[in-house]
C-alpha atoms as a PDB file:
ATOM      1  CA  MET A   1      18.931 -62.336  13.225  1.00  0.00           C
ATOM      2  CA  LYS A   2      16.947 -64.294  11.342  1.00  0.00           C
ATOM      3  CA  MET A   3      13.451 -62.621  10.496  1.00  0.00           C
ATOM      4  CA  ASN A   4      10.277 -64.940   9.811  1.00  0.00           C
ATOM      5  CA  ALA A   5       7.735 -64.384   6.985  1.00  0.00           C
ATOM      6  CA  SER A   6       5.437 -61.747   8.572  1.00  0.00           C
ATOM      7  CA  GLY A   7       8.834 -59.683  10.019  1.00  0.00           C
ATOM      8  CA  LEU A   8       9.862 -59.924   6.361  1.00  0.00           C
ATOM      9  CA  LEU A   9       6.599 -58.329   4.847  1.00  0.00           C
ATOM     10  CA  ALA A  10       6.370 -55.662   7.627  1.00  0.00           C
ATOM     11  CA  VAL A  11      10.001 -54.447   6.663  1.00  0.00           C
ATOM     12  CA  GLY A  12       8.789 -54.580   3.028  1.00  0.00           C
ATOM     13  CA  ALA A  13       5.489 -52.619   3.655  1.00  0.00           C
ATOM     14  CA  LEU A  14       7.467 -49.941   5.592  1.00  0.00           C
ATOM     15  CA  LEU A  15      10.224 -50.097   3.265  1.00  0.00           C
ATOM     16  CA  LEU A  16       7.447 -49.403   0.355  1.00  0.00           C
ATOM     17  CA  LEU A  17       5.413 -46.612   2.206  1.00  0.00           C
ATOM     18  CA  GLN A  18       8.569 -44.793   2.780  1.00  0.00           C
ATOM     19  CA  ALA A  19       9.412 -45.109  -0.797  1.00  0.00           C
ATOM     20  CA  CYS A  20       6.488 -43.723  -2.266  1.00  0.00           C
ATOM     21  CA  ALA A  21       6.247 -40.759   0.759  1.00  0.00           C
ATOM     22  CA  ALA A  22       9.795 -39.650  -0.912  1.00  0.00           C
ATOM     23  CA  GLN A  23       8.183 -39.997  -4.482  1.00  0.00           C
ATOM     24  CA  ALA A  24       4.830 -38.290  -3.940  1.00  0.00           C
ATOM     25  CA  PRO A  25       5.159 -35.334  -1.982  1.00  0.00           C
ATOM     26  CA  ALA A  26       5.247 -32.665  -5.180  1.00  0.00           C
ATOM     27  CA  SER A  27       1.627 -33.295  -5.289  1.00  0.00           C
ATOM     28  CA  SER A  28       0.428 -34.073  -2.324  1.00  0.00           C
ATOM     29  CA  ARG A  29       2.045 -31.432  -0.025  1.00  0.00           C
ATOM     30  CA  TYR A  30       0.964 -28.862  -2.364  1.00  0.00           C
ATOM     31  CA  PHE A  31      -2.634 -29.905  -1.921  1.00  0.00           C
ATOM     32  CA  ASP A  32      -2.059 -30.676   1.739  1.00  0.00           C
ATOM     33  CA  SER A  33      -3.218 -28.059   4.108  1.00  0.00           C
ATOM     34  CA  SER A  34      -3.287 -29.645   7.324  1.00  0.00           C
ATOM     35  CA  GLY A  35      -2.012 -27.306   9.921  1.00  0.00           C
ATOM     36  CA  ARG A  36      -2.778 -23.924   7.737  1.00  0.00           C
ATOM     37  CA  PRO A  37      -4.928 -21.421   9.809  1.00  0.00           C
ATOM     38  CA  ASP A  38      -6.887 -21.242   6.476  1.00  0.00           C
ATOM     39  CA  VAL A  39      -7.844 -24.828   5.863  1.00  0.00           C
ATOM     40  CA  LEU A  40     -11.674 -24.329   7.501  1.00  0.00           C
ATOM     41  CA  SER A  41     -12.093 -21.994   4.734  1.00  0.00           C
ATOM     42  CA  GLY A  42     -10.419 -23.587   1.677  1.00  0.00           C
ATOM     43  CA  GLY A  43      -7.275 -20.904   1.840  1.00  0.00           C
ATOM     44  CA  ALA A  44      -9.483 -17.449   2.763  1.00  0.00           C
ATOM     45  CA  ARG A  45      -8.947 -15.259   5.091  1.00  0.00           C
ATOM     46  CA  ARG A  46     -10.107 -11.878   6.336  1.00  0.00           C
ATOM     47  CA  ILE A  47      -6.855 -10.237   7.816  1.00  0.00           C
ATOM     48  CA  GLU A  48      -7.557  -7.038   9.854  1.00  0.00           C
ATOM     49  CA  ILE A  49      -5.374  -3.772   8.598  1.00  0.00           C
ATOM     50  CA  SER A  50      -4.680  -0.689  10.532  1.00  0.00           C
ATOM     51  CA  THR A  51      -5.483   2.595   8.825  1.00  0.00           C
ATOM     52  CA  SER A  52      -5.350   6.633   9.599  1.00  0.00           C
ATOM     53  CA  GLN A  53      -9.252   5.735   9.253  1.00  0.00           C
ATOM     54  CA  GLY A  54      -9.437   3.177  11.621  1.00  0.00           C
ATOM     55  CA  ARG A  55      -9.672  -0.750  10.803  1.00  0.00           C
ATOM     56  CA  PHE A  56     -10.923  -2.920   8.615  1.00  0.00           C
ATOM     57  CA  HIS A  57     -10.554  -6.154   7.079  1.00  0.00           C
ATOM     58  CA  VAL A  58      -9.375  -7.372   3.694  1.00  0.00           C
ATOM     59  CA  TRP A  59     -10.089 -10.591   1.824  1.00  0.00           C
ATOM     60  CA  THR A  60      -7.164 -13.370   0.839  1.00  0.00           C
ATOM     61  CA  LYS A  61      -7.015 -16.843  -0.287  1.00  0.00           C
ATOM     62  CA  ARG A  62      -4.249 -18.963  -0.657  1.00  0.00           C
ATOM     63  CA  VAL A  63      -4.046 -21.691  -3.270  1.00  0.00           C
ATOM     64  CA  GLY A  64      -1.657 -24.634  -2.863  1.00  0.00           C
ATOM     65  CA  ASN A  65       1.619 -24.908  -0.429  1.00  0.00           C
ATOM     66  CA  ASN A  66       5.194 -24.274  -1.590  1.00  0.00           C
ATOM     67  CA  PRO A  67       8.007 -23.019   0.855  1.00  0.00           C
ATOM     68  CA  THR A  68      10.252 -21.302  -0.808  1.00  0.00           C
ATOM     69  CA  ILE A  69       7.332 -19.828  -3.782  1.00  0.00           C
ATOM     70  CA  LYS A  70       4.719 -17.610  -2.647  1.00  0.00           C
ATOM     71  CA  VAL A  71       2.985 -15.364  -5.029  1.00  0.00           C
ATOM     72  CA  LEU A  72       0.599 -12.563  -3.915  1.00  0.00           C
ATOM     73  CA  LEU A  73      -0.933 -10.895  -6.533  1.00  0.00           C
ATOM     74  CA  LEU A  74      -1.709  -7.054  -6.260  1.00  0.00           C
ATOM     75  CA  HIS A  75      -4.806  -6.512  -9.347  1.00  0.00           C
ATOM     76  CA  GLY A  76      -5.757  -3.495 -11.489  1.00  0.00           C
ATOM     77  CA  GLY A  77      -7.813  -0.844 -11.407  1.00  0.00           C
ATOM     78  CA  PRO A  78      -7.415   0.871  -8.918  1.00  0.00           C
ATOM     79  CA  GLY A  79     -10.710  -0.360  -7.702  1.00  0.00           C
ATOM     80  CA  GLY A  80     -10.415  -3.857  -9.018  1.00  0.00           C
ATOM     81  CA  SER A  81     -10.412  -6.986  -7.915  1.00  0.00           C
ATOM     82  CA  SER A  82      -8.400 -10.345  -8.087  1.00  0.00           C
ATOM     83  CA  GLU A  83     -11.043 -12.600  -9.710  1.00  0.00           C
ATOM     84  CA  TYR A  84      -9.557 -12.059 -13.398  1.00  0.00           C
ATOM     85  CA  PHE A  85      -5.959 -13.680 -11.812  1.00  0.00           C
ATOM     86  CA  GLU A  86      -8.366 -16.712 -11.639  1.00  0.00           C
ATOM     87  CA  ALA A  87      -6.511 -17.695 -15.412  1.00  0.00           C
ATOM     88  CA  ALA A  88      -3.759 -18.679 -12.857  1.00  0.00           C
ATOM     89  CA  ASP A  89      -5.688 -21.482 -11.697  1.00  0.00           C
ATOM     90  CA  SER A  90      -5.077 -23.420 -14.949  1.00  0.00           C
ATOM     91  CA  TYR A  91      -1.220 -22.765 -14.674  1.00  0.00           C
ATOM     92  CA  PHE A  92       0.419 -21.978 -11.042  1.00  0.00           C
ATOM     93  CA  PRO A  93      -0.938 -25.551  -9.439  1.00  0.00           C
ATOM     94  CA  GLY A  94       0.932 -27.730 -12.397  1.00  0.00           C
ATOM     95  CA  ALA A  95       4.370 -25.491 -11.318  1.00  0.00           C
ATOM     96  CA  SER A  96       3.206 -26.057  -7.453  1.00  0.00           C
ATOM     97  CA  ILE A  97       3.130 -22.458  -6.897  1.00  0.00           C
ATOM     98  CA  GLU A  98       1.733 -21.200  -3.823  1.00  0.00           C
ATOM     99  CA  TYR A  99      -0.001 -18.187  -4.535  1.00  0.00           C
ATOM    100  CA  TYR A 100      -2.692 -15.568  -2.898  1.00  0.00           C
ATOM    101  CA  TYR A 101      -5.805 -13.900  -4.312  1.00  0.00           C
ATOM    102  CA  TYR A 102      -6.415 -10.350  -2.167  1.00  0.00           C
ATOM    103  CA  ASP A 103      -8.722  -7.754  -2.736  1.00  0.00           C
ATOM    104  CA  GLN A 104      -7.400  -4.494  -1.584  1.00  0.00           C
ATOM    105  CA  LEU A 105      -9.435  -2.218   0.794  1.00  0.00           C
ATOM    106  CA  GLY A 106     -12.397  -0.619  -0.903  1.00  0.00           C
ATOM    107  CA  SER A 107     -12.262  -3.865  -3.375  1.00  0.00           C
ATOM    108  CA  PHE A 108     -14.625  -6.621  -3.831  1.00  0.00           C
ATOM    109  CA  ARG A 109     -14.322  -9.159  -1.613  1.00  0.00           C
ATOM    110  CA  SER A 110     -13.020  -6.810   0.588  1.00  0.00           C
ATOM    111  CA  ASP A 111     -14.336  -4.044   3.593  1.00  0.00           C
ATOM    112  CA  GLN A 112     -15.915  -0.386   1.950  1.00  0.00           C
ATOM    113  CA  PRO A 113     -15.530   2.086   4.032  1.00  0.00           C
ATOM    114  CA  ASP A 114     -17.595   5.030   3.862  1.00  0.00           C
ATOM    115  CA  ASP A 115     -16.965   7.591   1.498  1.00  0.00           C
ATOM    116  CA  ALA A 116     -15.035  10.299   3.462  1.00  0.00           C
ATOM    117  CA  LYS A 117     -12.904   7.306   4.890  1.00  0.00           C
ATOM    118  CA  LEU A 118     -11.870   5.683   1.424  1.00  0.00           C
ATOM    119  CA  ALA A 119     -11.275   8.810   0.395  1.00  0.00           C
ATOM    120  CA  ALA A 120      -9.120   9.620   2.895  1.00  0.00           C
ATOM    121  CA  LEU A 121      -6.827   6.470   2.139  1.00  0.00           C
ATOM    122  CA  LEU A 122      -6.950   6.948  -1.933  1.00  0.00           C
ATOM    123  CA  GLY A 123      -3.441   6.884  -2.682  1.00  0.00           C
ATOM    124  CA  THR A 124      -0.148   4.802  -3.279  1.00  0.00           C
ATOM    125  CA  GLU A 125       1.417   5.431   0.497  1.00  0.00           C
ATOM    126  CA  HIS A 126      -2.067   4.024   2.105  1.00  0.00           C
ATOM    127  CA  PHE A 127      -2.002   0.527  -0.183  1.00  0.00           C
ATOM    128  CA  VAL A 128       1.871  -0.074   0.541  1.00  0.00           C
ATOM    129  CA  GLU A 129       1.531  -0.068   3.486  1.00  0.00           C
ATOM    130  CA  GLU A 130      -1.758  -2.305   3.385  1.00  0.00           C
ATOM    131  CA  VAL A 131       0.141  -4.783   1.044  1.00  0.00           C
ATOM    132  CA  GLU A 132       3.054  -4.522   4.466  1.00  0.00           C
ATOM    133  CA  GLN A 133       0.290  -5.893   6.820  1.00  0.00           C
ATOM    134  CA  VAL A 134      -1.062  -8.737   4.597  1.00  0.00           C
ATOM    135  CA  ARG A 135       2.694  -9.810   3.904  1.00  0.00           C
ATOM    136  CA  GLN A 136       3.005 -10.028   7.366  1.00  0.00           C
ATOM    137  CA  ALA A 137      -0.162 -11.851   8.423  1.00  0.00           C
ATOM    138  CA  LEU A 138       0.298 -14.263   5.465  1.00  0.00           C
ATOM    139  CA  GLY A 139       4.069 -14.915   6.876  1.00  0.00           C
ATOM    140  CA  LEU A 140       5.843 -14.100   3.844  1.00  0.00           C
ATOM    141  CA  GLY A 141       9.338 -13.072   3.698  1.00  0.00           C
ATOM    142  CA  ARG A 142      12.659 -12.859   1.654  1.00  0.00           C
ATOM    143  CA  ASP A 143      12.872 -16.882   1.269  1.00  0.00           C
ATOM    144  CA  ASN A 144       9.945 -17.112  -0.245  1.00  0.00           C
ATOM    145  CA  PHE A 145       7.651 -13.704  -1.124  1.00  0.00           C
ATOM    146  CA  TYR A 146       6.935 -12.860  -5.191  1.00  0.00           C
ATOM    147  CA  LEU A 147       4.803  -9.616  -5.850  1.00  0.00           C
ATOM    148  CA  LEU A 148       3.017  -9.710  -8.690  1.00  0.00           C
ATOM    149  CA  GLY A 149       1.463  -6.175  -9.542  1.00  0.00           C
ATOM    150  CA  HIS A 150      -0.971  -6.281 -12.715  1.00  0.00           C
ATOM    151  CA  SER A 151      -1.661  -2.472 -14.299  1.00  0.00           C
ATOM    152  CA  TRP A 152      -2.314  -0.127 -10.937  1.00  0.00           C
ATOM    153  CA  GLY A 153      -1.089  -3.429  -9.069  1.00  0.00           C
ATOM    154  CA  GLY A 154       2.405  -2.491 -11.047  1.00  0.00           C
ATOM    155  CA  ILE A 155       2.621   0.777  -9.756  1.00  0.00           C
ATOM    156  CA  LEU A 156       1.349  -0.613  -6.206  1.00  0.00           C
ATOM    157  CA  ALA A 157       4.199  -3.338  -6.468  1.00  0.00           C
ATOM    158  CA  ILE A 158       7.119  -1.125  -7.884  1.00  0.00           C
ATOM    159  CA  GLU A 159       6.211   1.653  -4.980  1.00  0.00           C
ATOM    160  CA  TYR A 160       6.068  -2.006  -2.222  1.00  0.00           C
ATOM    161  CA  ALA A 161       9.489  -2.915  -3.478  1.00  0.00           C
ATOM    162  CA  LEU A 162      10.784   0.630  -3.199  1.00  0.00           C
ATOM    163  CA  LYS A 163      10.146   0.736   0.110  1.00  0.00           C
ATOM    164  CA  TYR A 164       9.967  -2.564   1.568  1.00  0.00           C
ATOM    165  CA  GLN A 165      12.092  -4.665  -0.838  1.00  0.00           C
ATOM    166  CA  GLN A 166      14.195  -6.661   1.902  1.00  0.00           C
ATOM    167  CA  HIS A 167      11.184  -8.403   2.208  1.00  0.00           C
ATOM    168  CA  LEU A 168      11.104  -9.695  -1.075  1.00  0.00           C
ATOM    169  CA  LYS A 169      12.520 -13.011  -3.173  1.00  0.00           C
ATOM    170  CA  GLY A 170      10.985 -12.031  -6.760  1.00  0.00           C
ATOM    171  CA  LEU A 171       8.825  -8.857  -8.352  1.00  0.00           C
ATOM    172  CA  VAL A 172       7.086  -9.237 -11.327  1.00  0.00           C
ATOM    173  CA  ILE A 173       5.387  -5.612 -12.796  1.00  0.00           C
ATOM    174  CA  SER A 174       2.596  -6.469 -15.125  1.00  0.00           C
ATOM    175  CA  ASN A 175       1.149  -4.529 -18.299  1.00  0.00           C
ATOM    176  CA  MET A 176       2.336  -1.189 -16.315  1.00  0.00           C
ATOM    177  CA  MET A 177       4.862   1.459 -17.261  1.00  0.00           C
ATOM    178  CA  ALA A 178       7.000   3.448 -14.686  1.00  0.00           C
ATOM    179  CA  SER A 179       5.397   6.974 -15.734  1.00  0.00           C
ATOM    180  CA  ILE A 180       2.036   7.497 -15.841  1.00  0.00           C
ATOM    181  CA  PRO A 181       2.668  11.160 -17.604  1.00  0.00           C
ATOM    182  CA  ALA A 182       5.167   8.406 -20.271  1.00  0.00           C
ATOM    183  CA  TYR A 183       1.576   6.670 -20.636  1.00  0.00           C
ATOM    184  CA  ASN A 184      -0.408   9.282 -21.347  1.00  0.00           C
ATOM    185  CA  GLU A 185       1.836  10.349 -24.239  1.00  0.00           C
ATOM    186  CA  TYR A 186       1.718   7.230 -25.098  1.00  0.00           C
ATOM    187  CA  ALA A 187      -1.722   7.006 -25.690  1.00  0.00           C
ATOM    188  CA  LYS A 188      -2.092  10.438 -27.383  1.00  0.00           C
ATOM    189  CA  ASN A 189       0.470   9.926 -29.659  1.00  0.00           C
ATOM    190  CA  VAL A 190      -0.179   5.815 -30.812  1.00  0.00           C
ATOM    191  CA  LEU A 191      -2.882   4.872 -29.265  1.00  0.00           C
ATOM    192  CA  MET A 192      -5.468   7.404 -30.188  1.00  0.00           C
ATOM    193  CA  PRO A 193      -4.193   7.908 -33.554  1.00  0.00           C
ATOM    194  CA  GLN A 194      -4.658   4.776 -34.566  1.00  0.00           C
ATOM    195  CA  MET A 195      -9.062   4.768 -33.970  1.00  0.00           C
ATOM    196  CA  ASP A 196     -10.794   5.679 -36.533  1.00  0.00           C
ATOM    197  CA  PRO A 197     -10.671   9.862 -36.782  1.00  0.00           C
ATOM    198  CA  LYS A 198     -14.481   9.896 -36.909  1.00  0.00           C
ATOM    199  CA  VAL A 199     -14.746   7.205 -33.654  1.00  0.00           C
ATOM    200  CA  LEU A 200     -12.052   9.479 -31.613  1.00  0.00           C
ATOM    201  CA  ALA A 201     -13.450  12.938 -32.152  1.00  0.00           C
ATOM    202  CA  GLU A 202     -17.151  11.672 -30.717  1.00  0.00           C
ATOM    203  CA  VAL A 203     -15.344  10.339 -27.444  1.00  0.00           C
ATOM    204  CA  GLN A 204     -13.568  13.141 -27.360  1.00  0.00           C
ATOM    205  CA  ALA A 205     -16.712  15.304 -27.459  1.00  0.00           C
ATOM    206  CA  LEU A 206     -17.955  13.362 -25.013  1.00  0.00           C
ATOM    207  CA  GLU A 207     -15.149  13.555 -22.461  1.00  0.00           C
ATOM    208  CA  ALA A 208     -15.013  17.267 -23.101  1.00  0.00           C
ATOM    209  CA  ALA A 209     -18.893  17.370 -22.037  1.00  0.00           C
ATOM    210  CA  LYS A 210     -17.966  15.399 -19.466  1.00  0.00           C
ATOM    211  CA  ASP A 211     -20.282  12.728 -20.476  1.00  0.00           C
ATOM    212  CA  TYR A 212     -19.051  10.005 -19.304  1.00  0.00           C
ATOM    213  CA  THR A 213     -21.947   8.205 -18.338  1.00  0.00           C
ATOM    214  CA  ASN A 214     -23.455   8.593 -22.363  1.00  0.00           C
ATOM    215  CA  PRO A 215     -24.410   5.044 -23.008  1.00  0.00           C
ATOM    216  CA  ARG A 216     -22.631   6.062 -26.517  1.00  0.00           C
ATOM    217  CA  TYR A 217     -19.118   6.358 -24.928  1.00  0.00           C
ATOM    218  CA  MET A 218     -19.171   2.688 -23.748  1.00  0.00           C
ATOM    219  CA  GLU A 219     -21.043   1.948 -27.522  1.00  0.00           C
ATOM    220  CA  LEU A 220     -17.821   3.701 -29.166  1.00  0.00           C
ATOM    221  CA  LEU A 221     -14.888   2.543 -26.719  1.00  0.00           C
ATOM    222  CA  VAL A 222     -15.520  -1.496 -26.547  1.00  0.00           C
ATOM    223  CA  PRO A 223     -14.890  -2.100 -30.021  1.00  0.00           C
ATOM    224  CA  ASN A 224     -12.593   0.968 -30.754  1.00  0.00           C
ATOM    225  CA  TYR A 225     -10.058   0.421 -27.490  1.00  0.00           C
ATOM    226  CA  TYR A 226     -11.496  -2.575 -25.000  1.00  0.00           C
ATOM    227  CA  GLU A 227     -11.095  -5.032 -27.894  1.00  0.00           C
ATOM    228  CA  GLN A 228      -7.676  -3.614 -29.304  1.00  0.00           C
ATOM    229  CA  HIS A 229      -6.082  -2.991 -26.364  1.00  0.00           C
ATOM    230  CA  ILE A 230      -7.552  -3.880 -23.410  1.00  0.00           C
ATOM    231  CA  LEU A 231      -8.617  -7.588 -23.755  1.00  0.00           C
ATOM    232  CA  ARG A 232      -8.298  -8.601 -27.821  1.00  0.00           C
ATOM    233  CA  MET A 233     -11.550 -10.753 -28.137  1.00  0.00           C
ATOM    234  CA  PRO A 234     -15.016  -9.866 -28.860  1.00  0.00           C
ATOM    235  CA  LEU A 235     -16.844  -8.535 -25.099  1.00  0.00           C
ATOM    236  CA  ALA A 236     -19.188 -11.318 -25.524  1.00  0.00           C
ATOM    237  CA  GLN A 237     -16.349 -13.683 -25.537  1.00  0.00           C
ATOM    238  CA  TRP A 238     -14.411 -12.198 -22.948  1.00  0.00           C
ATOM    239  CA  PRO A 239     -13.585 -14.870 -19.966  1.00  0.00           C
ATOM    240  CA  GLU A 240     -16.274 -15.261 -17.280  1.00  0.00           C
ATOM    241  CA  PRO A 241     -13.421 -14.127 -14.741  1.00  0.00           C
ATOM    242  CA  ALA A 242     -12.615 -11.300 -16.589  1.00  0.00           C
ATOM    243  CA  SER A 243     -16.007  -9.832 -17.081  1.00  0.00           C
ATOM    244  CA  ARG A 244     -16.829 -10.774 -13.822  1.00  0.00           C
ATOM    245  CA  ALA A 245     -13.910  -8.624 -12.140  1.00  0.00           C
ATOM    246  CA  PHE A 246     -14.705  -5.412 -14.590  1.00  0.00           C
ATOM    247  CA  SER A 247     -18.472  -5.666 -13.086  1.00  0.00           C
ATOM    248  CA  HIS A 248     -16.952  -5.405  -9.612  1.00  0.00           C
ATOM    249  CA  SER A 249     -15.157  -2.499 -10.221  1.00  0.00           C
ATOM    250  CA  ASN A 250     -15.592  -0.074  -7.762  1.00  0.00           C
ATOM    251  CA  GLN A 251     -15.387   3.650  -9.339  1.00  0.00           C
ATOM    252  CA  LYS A 252     -15.411   5.385  -5.926  1.00  0.00           C
ATOM    253  CA  VAL A 253     -11.577   4.242  -6.060  1.00  0.00           C
ATOM    254  CA  TYR A 254     -10.891   4.382  -9.448  1.00  0.00           C
ATOM    255  CA  VAL A 255     -12.503   7.609 -10.956  1.00  0.00           C
ATOM    256  CA  PRO A 256     -10.735   9.450  -7.903  1.00  0.00           C
ATOM    257  CA  MET A 257      -6.684   7.526  -8.649  1.00  0.00           C
ATOM    258  CA  GLN A 258      -7.457   6.998 -12.432  1.00  0.00           C
ATOM    259  CA  GLY A 259      -9.912   9.576 -13.758  1.00  0.00           C
ATOM    260  CA  PRO A 260     -12.847   8.829 -15.757  1.00  0.00           C
ATOM    261  CA  SER A 261     -11.462   8.512 -19.555  1.00  0.00           C
ATOM    262  CA  GLU A 262     -10.541   5.657 -20.209  1.00  0.00           C
ATOM    263  CA  MET A 263      -7.813   6.516 -22.540  1.00  0.00           C
ATOM    264  CA  GLY A 264      -5.316   8.032 -20.296  1.00  0.00           C
ATOM    265  CA  ALA A 265      -4.993   9.037 -16.381  1.00  0.00           C
ATOM    266  CA  SER A 266      -6.096  11.957 -15.031  1.00  0.00           C
ATOM    267  CA  GLY A 267      -6.580  11.480 -11.130  1.00  0.00           C
ATOM    268  CA  ILE A 268      -4.770  11.394  -8.368  1.00  0.00           C
ATOM    269  CA  LEU A 269      -1.680   8.942 -10.608  1.00  0.00           C
ATOM    270  CA  GLU A 270      -1.706  12.009 -12.886  1.00  0.00           C
ATOM    271  CA  LYS A 271       1.958  12.905 -12.185  1.00  0.00           C
ATOM    272  CA  TRP A 272       3.566   9.324 -10.694  1.00  0.00           C
ATOM    273  CA  ASP A 273       6.697   8.373 -12.286  1.00  0.00           C
ATOM    274  CA  ARG A 274       9.326   6.281 -11.140  1.00  0.00           C
ATOM    275  CA  THR A 275      11.351   6.052 -14.052  1.00  0.00           C
ATOM    276  CA  LYS A 276      14.520   7.590 -11.882  1.00  0.00           C
ATOM    277  CA  ASP A 277      13.956   5.355  -9.229  1.00  0.00           C
ATOM    278  CA  LEU A 278      14.465   2.141 -11.334  1.00  0.00           C
ATOM    279  CA  PRO A 279      17.590   1.247 -10.356  1.00  0.00           C
ATOM    280  CA  ALA A 280      17.321   1.310  -6.537  1.00  0.00           C
ATOM    281  CA  ILE A 281      15.220  -2.390  -7.180  1.00  0.00           C
ATOM    282  CA  THR A 282      18.106  -4.610  -6.759  1.00  0.00           C
ATOM    283  CA  VAL A 283      15.208  -7.928  -6.149  1.00  0.00           C
ATOM    284  CA  PRO A 284      14.927  -9.999  -9.335  1.00  0.00           C
ATOM    285  CA  THR A 285      12.456  -8.618 -11.356  1.00  0.00           C
ATOM    286  CA  LEU A 286      10.243  -9.236 -14.465  1.00  0.00           C
ATOM    287  CA  THR A 287       8.347  -6.741 -16.652  1.00  0.00           C
ATOM    288  CA  ILE A 288       5.555  -8.061 -18.855  1.00  0.00           C
ATOM    289  CA  GLY A 289       4.268  -6.123 -21.896  1.00  0.00           C
ATOM    290  CA  GLY A 290       2.002  -7.134 -24.793  1.00  0.00           C
ATOM    291  CA  ARG A 291       2.406  -5.863 -28.205  1.00  0.00           C
ATOM    292  CA  TYR A 292      -1.106  -4.526 -28.934  1.00  0.00           C
ATOM    293  CA  ASP A 293      -1.135  -2.780 -24.724  1.00  0.00           C
ATOM    294  CA  THR A 294      -2.569   0.039 -23.482  1.00  0.00           C
ATOM    295  CA  MET A 295       0.988   0.747 -21.846  1.00  0.00           C
ATOM    296  CA  ASP A 296       3.765   1.276 -24.101  1.00  0.00           C
ATOM    297  CA  PRO A 297       5.645  -2.255 -24.713  1.00  0.00           C
ATOM    298  CA  LYS A 298       9.536  -0.498 -25.602  1.00  0.00           C
ATOM    299  CA  HIS A 299       8.527   1.485 -22.125  1.00  0.00           C
ATOM    300  CA  MET A 300       8.369  -1.547 -20.365  1.00  0.00           C
ATOM    301  CA  GLU A 301      11.552  -3.483 -21.693  1.00  0.00           C
ATOM    302  CA  TRP A 302      13.205  -0.648 -21.224  1.00  0.00           C
ATOM    303  CA  MET A 303      11.965  -0.873 -17.279  1.00  0.00           C
ATOM    304  CA  ALA A 304      13.987  -4.401 -16.626  1.00  0.00           C
ATOM    305  CA  SER A 305      17.408  -3.109 -18.530  1.00  0.00           C
ATOM    306  CA  GLN A 306      16.870  -0.125 -15.763  1.00  0.00           C
ATOM    307  CA  VAL A 307      16.408  -2.342 -12.557  1.00  0.00           C
ATOM    308  CA  ARG A 308      19.691  -4.094 -11.218  1.00  0.00           C
ATOM    309  CA  ARG A 309      18.764  -7.822 -11.958  1.00  0.00           C
ATOM    310  CA  GLY A 310      16.098  -7.755 -14.597  1.00  0.00           C
ATOM    311  CA  ARG A 311      14.014  -9.657 -17.651  1.00  0.00           C
ATOM    312  CA  TYR A 312      11.155  -8.833 -19.726  1.00  0.00           C
ATOM    313  CA  LEU A 313       8.797 -10.603 -20.919  1.00  0.00           C
ATOM    314  CA  ASP A 314       7.049  -9.913 -24.549  1.00  0.00           C
ATOM    315  CA  CYS A 315       3.533 -11.259 -25.456  1.00  0.00           C
ATOM    316  CA  PRO A 316       3.367 -10.597 -29.248  1.00  0.00           C
ATOM    317  CA  GLN A 317      -0.398 -11.438 -29.341  1.00  0.00           C
ATOM    318  CA  GLY A 318      -1.264 -10.307 -26.076  1.00  0.00           C
ATOM    319  CA  SER A 319      -2.797  -6.592 -24.446  1.00  0.00           C
ATOM    320  CA  HIS A 320      -3.366  -5.104 -21.096  1.00  0.00           C
ATOM    321  CA  MET A 321      -4.498  -8.254 -20.175  1.00  0.00           C
ATOM    322  CA  SER A 322      -2.019 -10.727 -22.021  1.00  0.00           C
ATOM    323  CA  MET A 323      -3.155 -13.333 -19.428  1.00  0.00           C
ATOM    324  CA  TYR A 324      -6.122 -13.832 -21.371  1.00  0.00           C
ATOM    325  CA  ASP A 325      -5.091 -13.205 -25.112  1.00  0.00           C
ATOM    326  CA  ASP A 326      -1.246 -14.486 -24.722  1.00  0.00           C
ATOM    327  CA  GLN A 327      -2.037 -16.401 -22.711  1.00  0.00           C
ATOM    328  CA  ARG A 328       0.950 -19.452 -23.123  1.00  0.00           C
ATOM    329  CA  THR A 329       3.073 -17.215 -23.491  1.00  0.00           C
ATOM    330  CA  TYR A 330       2.216 -15.258 -20.286  1.00  0.00           C
ATOM    331  CA  PHE A 331       2.220 -17.830 -17.796  1.00  0.00           C
ATOM    332  CA  THR A 332       5.482 -19.734 -19.399  1.00  0.00           C
ATOM    333  CA  GLY A 333       7.491 -16.872 -18.724  1.00  0.00           C
ATOM    334  CA  LEU A 334       6.339 -15.775 -15.710  1.00  0.00           C
ATOM    335  CA  ILE A 335       6.694 -19.672 -14.583  1.00  0.00           C
ATOM    336  CA  ARG A 336       9.722 -19.433 -15.779  1.00  0.00           C
ATOM    337  CA  PHE A 337      11.016 -16.628 -14.092  1.00  0.00           C
ATOM    338  CA  ILE A 338       9.935 -17.650 -10.943  1.00  0.00           C
ATOM    339  CA  GLN A 339      11.329 -20.933 -10.743  1.00  0.00           C
ATOM    340  CA  ASP A 340      14.333 -19.606 -12.252  1.00  0.00           C
ATOM    341  CA  VAL A 341      14.875 -17.308  -9.440  1.00  0.00           C
ATOM    342  CA  ASP A 342      14.185 -20.259  -6.925  1.00  0.00           C
ATOM    343  CA  THR A 343      16.249 -22.582  -8.211  1.00  0.00           C
ATOM    344  CA  GLY A 344      19.228 -19.621  -8.120  1.00  0.00           C
ATOM    345  CA  ARG A 345      19.575 -19.422 -11.973  1.00  0.00           C
ATOM    346  CA  PHE A 346      18.804 -15.884 -12.465  1.00  0.00           C
END
């Protein structure tokens, strides 16, 4: 069968379109939100959750599309917000990683129950079930669901994995030890002795008097603790998302669970310890620690050896917020872990 010139041109154009479609999907599919229920809001959704104190809504926001890699971010605090994870915007899209911001109940962009209801919900049990309801609403599952928990979010990620790891493809425990008593010992025996003795004595005197709202308390802690172990930059130079997240912390969640002291835990979580349970975690797991972290990096390296399939990422310039003060190391290692699991290389 012969074909005229116009027919040949039409076939050529069709083949060109097909070739472009085959070559372009990496970026075009990643940024294509058509058909997604959150397209009108740019990826943001308020998800209804059921609790012992009634029904509430929590805020989430999706970035990107990837059917095999979907990362749910669990922020620290407790009572913090997911805003400081905005550092991921500089790295995850380039690696075609779909990820979800999520403010836990009582946190900045989610519902704020009244004091009595909120107090009744404070504990790992509630938050584990909250994460599970969020997972279901977002349609995350065994073939694509990565859970990344930072600080308090790391506690929550461990607790979730111990109950629901059948839904996980991968787990990341960032800058969090598996034991609060061990963390308190590290703070007492390692971090506090590094401080100027006069500064430490004054801080401890304020804590003994429970004078935590005294401006002097933070005047001492910012240069001597925060800028040394939380985020190793002068406070005035902290990245805007980190400063914004700290300003939005809900003390009605933080203080009952963590305690009022910035150099140790004394609240609901004071005796939390899952060191003996780590071998029960069988999904691929990455632990992340920083040399200058508030958490013991050696302990976090040890955690990777206790889970069934673990890897440790060391951030030699990092502190508790290693995603900022050792950012390239943090995200390069994190992305490598996710891609290794996704491609079966882990």
